PDB file of all heavy atoms in Angstrom:
ATOM      1  N   GLY A   1      86.527  -7.686  89.544  1.00  0.00           N
ATOM      2  CA  GLY A   1      87.344  -8.211  88.449  1.00  0.00           C
ATOM      3  C   GLY A   1      86.537  -8.748  87.291  1.00  0.00           C
ATOM      4  O   GLY A   1      87.104  -9.181  86.286  1.00  0.00           O
ATOM      5  N   SER A   2      85.203  -8.711  87.391  1.00  0.00           N
ATOM      6  CA  SER A   2      84.366  -9.294  86.336  1.00  0.00           C
ATOM      7  C   SER A   2      84.180  -8.346  85.153  1.00  0.00           C
ATOM      8  O   SER A   2      83.927  -8.782  84.038  1.00  0.00           O
ATOM      9  CB  SER A   2      82.999  -9.668  86.905  1.00  0.00           C
ATOM     10  OG  SER A   2      82.357  -8.533  87.455  1.00  0.00           O
ATOM     11  N   ILE A   3      84.284  -7.044  85.393  1.00  0.00           N
ATOM     12  CA  ILE A   3      84.174  -6.077  84.300  1.00  0.00           C
ATOM     13  C   ILE A   3      85.559  -5.866  83.698  1.00  0.00           C
ATOM     14  O   ILE A   3      86.551  -5.710  84.407  1.00  0.00           O
ATOM     15  CB  ILE A   3      83.586  -4.749  84.807  1.00  0.00           C
ATOM     16  CG1 ILE A   3      82.140  -4.983  85.254  1.00  0.00           C
ATOM     17  CG2 ILE A   3      83.654  -3.666  83.719  1.00  0.00           C
ATOM     18  CD1 ILE A   3      81.444  -3.764  85.800  1.00  0.00           C
ATOM     19  N   ARG A   4      85.619  -5.880  82.399  1.00  0.00           N
ATOM     20  CA  ARG A   4      86.903  -5.851  81.697  1.00  0.00           C
ATOM     21  C   ARG A   4      87.731  -4.625  82.094  1.00  0.00           C
ATOM     22  O   ARG A   4      87.241  -3.499  82.116  1.00  0.00           O
ATOM     23  CB  ARG A   4      86.678  -5.845  80.190  1.00  0.00           C
ATOM     24  CG  ARG A   4      87.999  -6.010  79.425  1.00  0.00           C
ATOM     25  CD  ARG A   4      87.803  -5.880  77.949  1.00  0.00           C
ATOM     26  NE  ARG A   4      89.097  -5.955  77.272  1.00  0.00           N
ATOM     27  CZ  ARG A   4      89.308  -5.573  76.035  1.00  0.00           C
ATOM     28  NH1 ARG A   4      88.307  -5.093  75.314  1.00  0.00           N
ATOM     29  NH2 ARG A   4      90.501  -5.666  75.498  1.00  0.00           N
ATOM     30  N   ARG A   5      88.997  -4.879  82.389  1.00  0.00           N
ATOM     31  CA  ARG A   5      89.925  -3.801  82.733  1.00  0.00           C
ATOM     32  C   ARG A   5      91.057  -3.741  81.716  1.00  0.00           C
ATOM     33  O   ARG A   5      91.597  -4.773  81.308  1.00  0.00           O
ATOM     34  CB  ARG A   5      90.537  -4.016  84.125  1.00  0.00           C
ATOM     35  CG  ARG A   5      89.548  -4.044  85.270  1.00  0.00           C
ATOM     36  CD  ARG A   5      90.276  -4.222  86.593  1.00  0.00           C
ATOM     37  NE  ARG A   5      89.354  -4.470  87.696  1.00  0.00           N
ATOM     38  CZ  ARG A   5      89.736  -4.641  88.954  1.00  0.00           C
ATOM     39  NH1 ARG A   5      91.042  -4.596  89.251  1.00  0.00           N
ATOM     40  NH2 ARG A   5      88.847  -4.860  89.891  1.00  0.00           N
ATOM     41  N   ILE A   6      91.408  -2.527  81.348  1.00  0.00           N
ATOM     42  CA  ILE A   6      92.587  -2.292  80.507  1.00  0.00           C
ATOM     43  C   ILE A   6      93.534  -1.413  81.310  1.00  0.00           C
ATOM     44  O   ILE A   6      93.138  -0.319  81.734  1.00  0.00           O
ATOM     45  CB  ILE A   6      92.207  -1.595  79.186  1.00  0.00           C
ATOM     46  CG1 ILE A   6      91.292  -2.491  78.352  1.00  0.00           C
ATOM     47  CG2 ILE A   6      93.460  -1.238  78.387  1.00  0.00           C
ATOM     48  CD1 ILE A   6      90.800  -1.844  77.069  1.00  0.00           C
ATOM     49  N   PRO A   7      94.752  -1.857  81.575  1.00  0.00           N
ATOM     50  CA  PRO A   7      95.687  -1.021  82.328  1.00  0.00           C
ATOM     51  C   PRO A   7      95.861   0.345  81.664  1.00  0.00           C
ATOM     52  O   PRO A   7      95.983   0.451  80.443  1.00  0.00           O
ATOM     53  CB  PRO A   7      96.988  -1.828  82.302  1.00  0.00           C
ATOM     54  CG  PRO A   7      96.542  -3.244  82.085  1.00  0.00           C
ATOM     55  CD  PRO A   7      95.334  -3.160  81.211  1.00  0.00           C
ATOM     56  N   PHE A   8      95.877   1.387  82.462  1.00  0.00           N
ATOM     57  CA  PHE A   8      95.928   2.753  81.934  1.00  0.00           C
ATOM     58  C   PHE A   8      97.149   2.987  81.062  1.00  0.00           C
ATOM     59  O   PHE A   8      97.068   3.717  80.066  1.00  0.00           O
ATOM     60  CB  PHE A   8      95.914   3.741  83.112  1.00  0.00           C
ATOM     61  CG  PHE A   8      95.705   5.167  82.701  1.00  0.00           C
ATOM     62  CD1 PHE A   8      94.436   5.718  82.681  1.00  0.00           C
ATOM     63  CD2 PHE A   8      96.778   5.976  82.316  1.00  0.00           C
ATOM     64  CE1 PHE A   8      94.235   7.034  82.304  1.00  0.00           C
ATOM     65  CE2 PHE A   8      96.580   7.293  81.940  1.00  0.00           C
ATOM     66  CZ  PHE A   8      95.303   7.829  81.931  1.00  0.00           C
ATOM     67  N   TRP A   9      98.261   2.359  81.394  1.00  0.00           N
ATOM     68  CA  TRP A   9      99.494   2.618  80.653  1.00  0.00           C
ATOM     69  C   TRP A   9      99.366   2.247  79.177  1.00  0.00           C
ATOM     70  O   TRP A   9     100.037   2.820  78.309  1.00  0.00           O
ATOM     71  CB  TRP A   9     100.686   1.873  81.267  1.00  0.00           C
ATOM     72  CG  TRP A   9     100.623   0.376  81.159  1.00  0.00           C
ATOM     73  CD1 TRP A   9     100.144  -0.488  82.077  1.00  0.00           C
ATOM     74  CD2 TRP A   9     101.059  -0.418  80.052  1.00  0.00           C
ATOM     75  NE1 TRP A   9     100.239  -1.785  81.647  1.00  0.00           N
ATOM     76  CE2 TRP A   9     100.803  -1.772  80.392  1.00  0.00           C
ATOM     77  CE3 TRP A   9     101.645  -0.146  78.803  1.00  0.00           C
ATOM     78  CZ2 TRP A   9     101.110  -2.831  79.538  1.00  0.00           C
ATOM     79  CZ3 TRP A   9     101.955  -1.196  77.954  1.00  0.00           C
ATOM     80  CH2 TRP A   9     101.686  -2.524  78.312  1.00  0.00           C
ATOM     81  N   ARG A  10      98.461   1.271  78.901  1.00  0.00           N
ATOM     82  CA  ARG A  10      98.332   0.810  77.511  1.00  0.00           C
ATOM     83  C   ARG A  10      97.785   1.894  76.585  1.00  0.00           C
ATOM     84  O   ARG A  10      98.113   1.931  75.401  1.00  0.00           O
ATOM     85  CB  ARG A  10      97.429  -0.423  77.454  1.00  0.00           C
ATOM     86  CG  ARG A  10      98.079  -1.694  78.003  1.00  0.00           C
ATOM     87  CD  ARG A  10      97.210  -2.901  77.728  1.00  0.00           C
ATOM     88  NE  ARG A  10      96.973  -3.042  76.293  1.00  0.00           N
ATOM     89  CZ  ARG A  10      95.965  -3.734  75.766  1.00  0.00           C
ATOM     90  NH1 ARG A  10      95.088  -4.326  76.577  1.00  0.00           N
ATOM     91  NH2 ARG A  10      95.812  -3.817  74.461  1.00  0.00           N
ATOM     92  N   ILE A  11      96.944   2.781  77.108  1.00  0.00           N
ATOM     93  CA  ILE A  11      96.396   3.823  76.250  1.00  0.00           C
ATOM     94  C   ILE A  11      97.461   4.845  75.854  1.00  0.00           C
ATOM     95  O   ILE A  11      97.294   5.604  74.901  1.00  0.00           O
ATOM     96  CB  ILE A  11      95.197   4.521  76.936  1.00  0.00           C
ATOM     97  CG1 ILE A  11      94.333   5.222  75.891  1.00  0.00           C
ATOM     98  CG2 ILE A  11      95.659   5.499  78.009  1.00  0.00           C
ATOM     99  CD1 ILE A  11      93.027   5.743  76.421  1.00  0.00           C
ATOM    100  N   LEU A  12      98.561   4.834  76.602  1.00  0.00           N
ATOM    101  CA  LEU A  12      99.662   5.755  76.297  1.00  0.00           C
ATOM    102  C   LEU A  12     100.701   5.126  75.380  1.00  0.00           C
ATOM    103  O   LEU A  12     101.366   5.825  74.614  1.00  0.00           O
ATOM    104  CB  LEU A  12     100.351   6.205  77.599  1.00  0.00           C
ATOM    105  CG  LEU A  12      99.441   6.843  78.658  1.00  0.00           C
ATOM    106  CD1 LEU A  12     100.260   7.160  79.913  1.00  0.00           C
ATOM    107  CD2 LEU A  12      98.772   8.112  78.128  1.00  0.00           C
ATOM    108  N   GLU A  13     100.855   3.805  75.457  1.00  0.00           N
ATOM    109  CA  GLU A  13     101.940   3.147  74.748  1.00  0.00           C
ATOM    110  C   GLU A  13     101.478   2.199  73.641  1.00  0.00           C
ATOM    111  O   GLU A  13     102.269   1.808  72.800  1.00  0.00           O
ATOM    112  CB  GLU A  13     102.808   2.361  75.740  1.00  0.00           C
ATOM    113  CG  GLU A  13     103.410   3.236  76.825  1.00  0.00           C
ATOM    114  CD  GLU A  13     104.276   2.432  77.788  1.00  0.00           C
ATOM    115  OE1 GLU A  13     104.676   1.301  77.415  1.00  0.00           O
ATOM    116  OE2 GLU A  13     104.551   2.924  78.903  1.00  0.00           O
ATOM    117  N   GLU A  14     100.219   1.808  73.653  1.00  0.00           N
ATOM    118  CA  GLU A  14      99.744   0.854  72.656  1.00  0.00           C
ATOM    119  C   GLU A  14      98.481   1.380  71.974  1.00  0.00           C
ATOM    120  O   GLU A  14      97.797   2.275  72.496  1.00  0.00           O
ATOM    121  CB  GLU A  14      99.435  -0.502  73.314  1.00  0.00           C
ATOM    122  CG  GLU A  14     100.653  -1.163  73.945  1.00  0.00           C
ATOM    123  CD  GLU A  14     100.288  -2.497  74.569  1.00  0.00           C
ATOM    124  OE1 GLU A  14      99.107  -2.911  74.463  1.00  0.00           O
ATOM    125  OE2 GLU A  14     101.172  -3.138  75.169  1.00  0.00           O
ATOM    126  N   ASN A  15      98.184   0.806  70.831  1.00  0.00           N
ATOM    127  CA  ASN A  15      96.974   1.174  70.106  1.00  0.00           C
ATOM    128  C   ASN A  15      95.798   0.348  70.636  1.00  0.00           C
ATOM    129  O   ASN A  15      95.654  -0.831  70.315  1.00  0.00           O
ATOM    130  CB  ASN A  15      97.154   0.945  68.601  1.00  0.00           C
ATOM    131  CG  ASN A  15      95.932   1.399  67.814  1.00  0.00           C
ATOM    132  OD1 ASN A  15      95.030   2.030  68.359  1.00  0.00           O
ATOM    133  ND2 ASN A  15      95.906   1.074  66.532  1.00  0.00           N
ATOM    134  N   VAL A  16      94.968   0.976  71.456  1.00  0.00           N
ATOM    135  CA  VAL A  16      93.816   0.270  72.036  1.00  0.00           C
ATOM    136  C   VAL A  16      92.506   0.880  71.525  1.00  0.00           C
ATOM    137  O   VAL A  16      91.452   0.692  72.142  1.00  0.00           O
ATOM    138  CB  VAL A  16      93.863   0.312  73.581  1.00  0.00           C
ATOM    139  CG1 VAL A  16      95.035  -0.481  74.107  1.00  0.00           C
ATOM    140  CG2 VAL A  16      93.911   1.756  74.080  1.00  0.00           C
ATOM    141  N   SER A  17      92.602   1.577  70.405  1.00  0.00           N
ATOM    142  CA  SER A  17      91.420   2.283  69.899  1.00  0.00           C
ATOM    143  C   SER A  17      90.252   1.343  69.648  1.00  0.00           C
ATOM    144  O   SER A  17      89.104   1.636  70.002  1.00  0.00           O
ATOM    145  CB  SER A  17      91.776   3.029  68.612  1.00  0.00           C
ATOM    146  OG  SER A  17      92.742   4.021  68.875  1.00  0.00           O
ATOM    147  N   GLN A  18      90.538   0.195  69.021  1.00  0.00           N
ATOM    148  CA  GLN A  18      89.465  -0.746  68.689  1.00  0.00           C
ATOM    149  C   GLN A  18      88.807  -1.314  69.949  1.00  0.00           C
ATOM    150  O   GLN A  18      87.620  -1.611  69.962  1.00  0.00           O
ATOM    151  CB  GLN A  18      90.009  -1.886  67.822  1.00  0.00           C
ATOM    152  CG  GLN A  18      90.295  -1.482  66.381  1.00  0.00           C
ATOM    153  CD  GLN A  18      89.054  -0.939  65.690  1.00  0.00           C
ATOM    154  OE1 GLN A  18      89.003   0.240  65.320  1.00  0.00           O
ATOM    155  NE2 GLN A  18      88.044  -1.796  65.533  1.00  0.00           N
ATOM    156  N   GLU A  19      89.601  -1.451  71.000  1.00  0.00           N
ATOM    157  CA  GLU A  19      89.064  -2.010  72.243  1.00  0.00           C
ATOM    158  C   GLU A  19      88.160  -1.023  72.972  1.00  0.00           C
ATOM    159  O   GLU A  19      87.358  -1.420  73.820  1.00  0.00           O
ATOM    160  CB  GLU A  19      90.214  -2.436  73.165  1.00  0.00           C
ATOM    161  CG  GLU A  19      91.090  -3.537  72.593  1.00  0.00           C
ATOM    162  CD  GLU A  19      92.238  -3.893  73.510  1.00  0.00           C
ATOM    163  OE1 GLU A  19      91.944  -4.405  74.610  1.00  0.00           O
ATOM    164  OE2 GLU A  19      93.395  -3.646  73.139  1.00  0.00           O
ATOM    165  N   LEU A  20      88.291   0.269  72.640  1.00  0.00           N
ATOM    166  CA  LEU A  20      87.504   1.300  73.329  1.00  0.00           C
ATOM    167  C   LEU A  20      86.437   1.920  72.437  1.00  0.00           C
ATOM    168  O   LEU A  20      85.646   2.733  72.906  1.00  0.00           O
ATOM    169  CB  LEU A  20      88.434   2.403  73.849  1.00  0.00           C
ATOM    170  CG  LEU A  20      89.501   1.940  74.851  1.00  0.00           C
ATOM    171  CD1 LEU A  20      90.422   3.092  75.213  1.00  0.00           C
ATOM    172  CD2 LEU A  20      88.853   1.375  76.107  1.00  0.00           C
ATOM    173  N   LYS A  21      86.400   1.537  71.190  1.00  0.00           N
ATOM    174  CA  LYS A  21      85.439   2.117  70.243  1.00  0.00           C
ATOM    175  C   LYS A  21      84.011   1.760  70.658  1.00  0.00           C
ATOM    176  O   LYS A  21      83.684   0.608  70.933  1.00  0.00           O
ATOM    177  CB  LYS A  21      85.725   1.595  68.831  1.00  0.00           C
ATOM    178  CG  LYS A  21      84.840   2.231  67.746  1.00  0.00           C
ATOM    179  CD  LYS A  21      85.250   1.721  66.378  1.00  0.00           C
ATOM    180  CE  LYS A  21      84.362   2.306  65.293  1.00  0.00           C
ATOM    181  NZ  LYS A  21      84.476   3.785  65.220  1.00  0.00           N
ATOM    182  N   ASN A  22      83.161   2.782  70.735  1.00  0.00           N
ATOM    183  CA  ASN A  22      81.748   2.622  71.111  1.00  0.00           C
ATOM    184  C   ASN A  22      81.564   1.960  72.476  1.00  0.00           C
ATOM    185  O   ASN A  22      80.583   1.254  72.705  1.00  0.00           O
ATOM    186  CB  ASN A  22      80.981   1.825  70.045  1.00  0.00           C
ATOM    187  CG  ASN A  22      80.838   2.598  68.753  1.00  0.00           C
ATOM    188  OD1 ASN A  22      80.678   3.823  68.760  1.00  0.00           O
ATOM    189  ND2 ASN A  22      80.916   1.884  67.634  1.00  0.00           N
ATOM    190  N   LYS A  23      82.525   2.193  73.366  1.00  0.00           N
ATOM    191  CA  LYS A  23      82.427   1.637  74.716  1.00  0.00           C
ATOM    192  C   LYS A  23      82.092   2.744  75.707  1.00  0.00           C
ATOM    193  O   LYS A  23      82.340   3.924  75.471  1.00  0.00           O
ATOM    194  CB  LYS A  23      83.748   0.974  75.131  1.00  0.00           C
ATOM    195  CG  LYS A  23      84.209  -0.152  74.228  1.00  0.00           C
ATOM    196  CD  LYS A  23      83.277  -1.335  74.252  1.00  0.00           C
ATOM    197  CE  LYS A  23      83.842  -2.482  73.410  1.00  0.00           C
ATOM    198  NZ  LYS A  23      82.917  -3.628  73.342  1.00  0.00           N
ATOM    199  N   LEU A  24      81.511   2.310  76.828  1.00  0.00           N
ATOM    200  CA  LEU A  24      81.323   3.196  77.965  1.00  0.00           C
ATOM    201  C   LEU A  24      82.563   3.019  78.838  1.00  0.00           C
ATOM    202  O   LEU A  24      82.766   1.952  79.434  1.00  0.00           O
ATOM    203  CB  LEU A  24      80.051   2.812  78.720  1.00  0.00           C
ATOM    204  CG  LEU A  24      79.380   3.887  79.564  1.00  0.00           C
ATOM    205  CD1 LEU A  24      78.908   5.037  78.688  1.00  0.00           C
ATOM    206  CD2 LEU A  24      78.206   3.299  80.339  1.00  0.00           C
ATOM    207  N   VAL A  25      83.411   4.044  78.871  1.00  0.00           N
ATOM    208  CA  VAL A  25      84.727   3.917  79.506  1.00  0.00           C
ATOM    209  C   VAL A  25      84.719   4.589  80.875  1.00  0.00           C
ATOM    210  O   VAL A  25      84.275   5.735  81.013  1.00  0.00           O
ATOM    211  CB  VAL A  25      85.823   4.543  78.620  1.00  0.00           C
ATOM    212  CG1 VAL A  25      87.191   4.410  79.292  1.00  0.00           C
ATOM    213  CG2 VAL A  25      85.835   3.889  77.248  1.00  0.00           C
ATOM    214  N   PHE A  26      85.203   3.857  81.874  1.00  0.00           N
ATOM    215  CA  PHE A  26      85.376   4.418  83.216  1.00  0.00           C
ATOM    216  C   PHE A  26      86.865   4.445  83.532  1.00  0.00           C
ATOM    217  O   PHE A  26      87.562   3.432  83.376  1.00  0.00           O
ATOM    218  CB  PHE A  26      84.630   3.582  84.262  1.00  0.00           C
ATOM    219  CG  PHE A  26      83.147   3.750  84.215  1.00  0.00           C
ATOM    220  CD1 PHE A  26      82.365   2.941  83.403  1.00  0.00           C
ATOM    221  CD2 PHE A  26      82.520   4.727  84.975  1.00  0.00           C
ATOM    222  CE1 PHE A  26      80.988   3.098  83.347  1.00  0.00           C
ATOM    223  CE2 PHE A  26      81.143   4.893  84.931  1.00  0.00           C
ATOM    224  CZ  PHE A  26      80.371   4.079  84.116  1.00  0.00           C
ATOM    225  N   ILE A  27      87.343   5.598  83.954  1.00  0.00           N
ATOM    226  CA  ILE A  27      88.746   5.750  84.347  1.00  0.00           C
ATOM    227  C   ILE A  27      88.783   5.911  85.859  1.00  0.00           C
ATOM    228  O   ILE A  27      88.112   6.790  86.424  1.00  0.00           O
ATOM    229  CB  ILE A  27      89.396   6.976  83.672  1.00  0.00           C
ATOM    230  CG1 ILE A  27      89.357   6.832  82.152  1.00  0.00           C
ATOM    231  CG2 ILE A  27      90.832   7.153  84.149  1.00  0.00           C
ATOM    232  CD1 ILE A  27      89.873   8.054  81.408  1.00  0.00           C
ATOM    233  N   GLY A  28      89.557   5.058  86.526  1.00  0.00           N
ATOM    234  CA  GLY A  28      89.630   5.164  87.981  1.00  0.00           C
ATOM    235  C   GLY A  28      90.677   4.255  88.571  1.00  0.00           C
ATOM    236  O   GLY A  28      91.304   3.441  87.885  1.00  0.00           O
ATOM    237  N   VAL A  29      90.856   4.393  89.862  1.00  0.00           N
ATOM    238  CA  VAL A  29      91.909   3.693  90.604  1.00  0.00           C
ATOM    239  C   VAL A  29      91.471   2.270  90.934  1.00  0.00           C
ATOM    240  O   VAL A  29      90.373   2.042  91.448  1.00  0.00           O
ATOM    241  CB  VAL A  29      92.236   4.459  91.897  1.00  0.00           C
ATOM    242  CG1 VAL A  29      93.140   3.629  92.795  1.00  0.00           C
ATOM    243  CG2 VAL A  29      92.875   5.801  91.572  1.00  0.00           C
ATOM    244  N   THR A  30      92.337   1.311  90.625  1.00  0.00           N
ATOM    245  CA  THR A  30      92.110  -0.077  91.052  1.00  0.00           C
ATOM    246  C   THR A  30      93.264  -0.609  91.883  1.00  0.00           C
ATOM    247  O   THR A  30      93.185  -1.703  92.432  1.00  0.00           O
ATOM    248  CB  THR A  30      91.912  -1.005  89.832  1.00  0.00           C
ATOM    249  OG1 THR A  30      93.099  -0.995  89.035  1.00  0.00           O
ATOM    250  CG2 THR A  30      90.725  -0.567  88.995  1.00  0.00           C
ATOM    251  N   SER A  31      94.349   0.140  91.987  1.00  0.00           N
ATOM    252  CA  SER A  31      95.508  -0.302  92.767  1.00  0.00           C
ATOM    253  C   SER A  31      95.169  -0.320  94.248  1.00  0.00           C
ATOM    254  O   SER A  31      94.699   0.693  94.805  1.00  0.00           O
ATOM    255  CB  SER A  31      96.694   0.635  92.528  1.00  0.00           C
ATOM    256  OG  SER A  31      97.761   0.309  93.393  1.00  0.00           O
ATOM    257  N   PRO A  32      95.386  -1.431  94.926  1.00  0.00           N
ATOM    258  CA  PRO A  32      95.083  -1.506  96.366  1.00  0.00           C
ATOM    259  C   PRO A  32      95.880  -0.493  97.179  1.00  0.00           C
ATOM    260  O   PRO A  32      95.433  -0.067  98.250  1.00  0.00           O
ATOM    261  CB  PRO A  32      95.483  -2.945  96.742  1.00  0.00           C
ATOM    262  CG  PRO A  32      95.482  -3.699  95.455  1.00  0.00           C
ATOM    263  CD  PRO A  32      95.879  -2.720  94.398  1.00  0.00           C
ATOM    264  N   ASP A  33      97.044  -0.096  96.680  1.00  0.00           N
ATOM    265  CA  ASP A  33      97.895   0.840  97.438  1.00  0.00           C
ATOM    266  C   ASP A  33      97.256   2.213  97.578  1.00  0.00           C
ATOM    267  O   ASP A  33      97.636   2.978  98.473  1.00  0.00           O
ATOM    268  CB  ASP A  33      99.259   0.978  96.752  1.00  0.00           C
ATOM    269  CG  ASP A  33     100.040  -0.327  96.752  1.00  0.00           C
ATOM    270  OD1 ASP A  33      99.770  -1.167  97.636  1.00  0.00           O
ATOM    271  OD2 ASP A  33     100.891  -0.525  95.866  1.00  0.00           O
ATOM    272  N   LEU A  34      96.303   2.548  96.701  1.00  0.00           N
ATOM    273  CA  LEU A  34      95.673   3.868  96.747  1.00  0.00           C
ATOM    274  C   LEU A  34      94.383   3.868  97.564  1.00  0.00           C
ATOM    275  O   LEU A  34      93.749   4.899  97.740  1.00  0.00           O
ATOM    276  CB  LEU A  34      95.395   4.360  95.318  1.00  0.00           C
ATOM    277  CG  LEU A  34      96.654   4.528  94.449  1.00  0.00           C
ATOM    278  CD1 LEU A  34      96.289   5.064  93.077  1.00  0.00           C
ATOM    279  CD2 LEU A  34      97.662   5.454  95.123  1.00  0.00           C
ATOM    280  N   HIS A  35      93.985   2.698  98.051  1.00  0.00           N
ATOM    281  CA  HIS A  35      92.906   2.554  99.052  1.00  0.00           C
ATOM    282  C   HIS A  35      91.577   3.172  98.628  1.00  0.00           C
ATOM    283  O   HIS A  35      90.872   3.760  99.443  1.00  0.00           O
ATOM    284  CB  HIS A  35      93.348   3.160 100.390  1.00  0.00           C
ATOM    285  CG  HIS A  35      94.655   2.622 100.884  1.00  0.00           C
ATOM    286  ND1 HIS A  35      94.816   1.317 101.287  1.00  0.00           N
ATOM    287  CD2 HIS A  35      95.878   3.214 101.011  1.00  0.00           C
ATOM    288  CE1 HIS A  35      96.075   1.123 101.653  1.00  0.00           C
ATOM    289  NE2 HIS A  35      96.742   2.250 101.489  1.00  0.00           N
ATOM    290  N   ASP A  36      91.226   3.042  97.369  1.00  0.00           N
ATOM    291  CA  ASP A  36      89.899   3.466  96.928  1.00  0.00           C
ATOM    292  C   ASP A  36      89.079   2.221  96.620  1.00  0.00           C
ATOM    293  O   ASP A  36      88.848   1.855  95.465  1.00  0.00           O
ATOM    294  CB  ASP A  36      90.014   4.357  95.682  1.00  0.00           C
ATOM    295  CG  ASP A  36      88.640   4.832  95.210  1.00  0.00           C
ATOM    296  OD1 ASP A  36      87.694   4.799  96.024  1.00  0.00           O
ATOM    297  OD2 ASP A  36      88.515   5.205  94.029  1.00  0.00           O
ATOM    298  N   GLU A  37      88.650   1.526  97.677  1.00  0.00           N
ATOM    299  CA  GLU A  37      87.906   0.279  97.506  1.00  0.00           C
ATOM    300  C   GLU A  37      86.970   0.084  98.683  1.00  0.00           C
ATOM    301  O   GLU A  37      87.198   0.610  99.778  1.00  0.00           O
ATOM    302  CB  GLU A  37      88.864  -0.913  97.361  1.00  0.00           C
ATOM    303  CG  GLU A  37      89.911  -0.995  98.450  1.00  0.00           C
ATOM    304  CD  GLU A  37      90.996  -2.025  98.161  1.00  0.00           C
ATOM    305  OE1 GLU A  37      91.054  -2.507  97.028  1.00  0.00           O
ATOM    306  OE2 GLU A  37      91.758  -2.329  99.082  1.00  0.00           O
TER     307      GLU A  37
END
């Protein structure tokens, strides 16, 4: 939880361009229900 997380849905419904500009972006599962931990 120490590395900043942006919920995936926001990139579809909100303008998050400034938050991702010049960033190293990782897309992946964090939901405990999907058991990738």
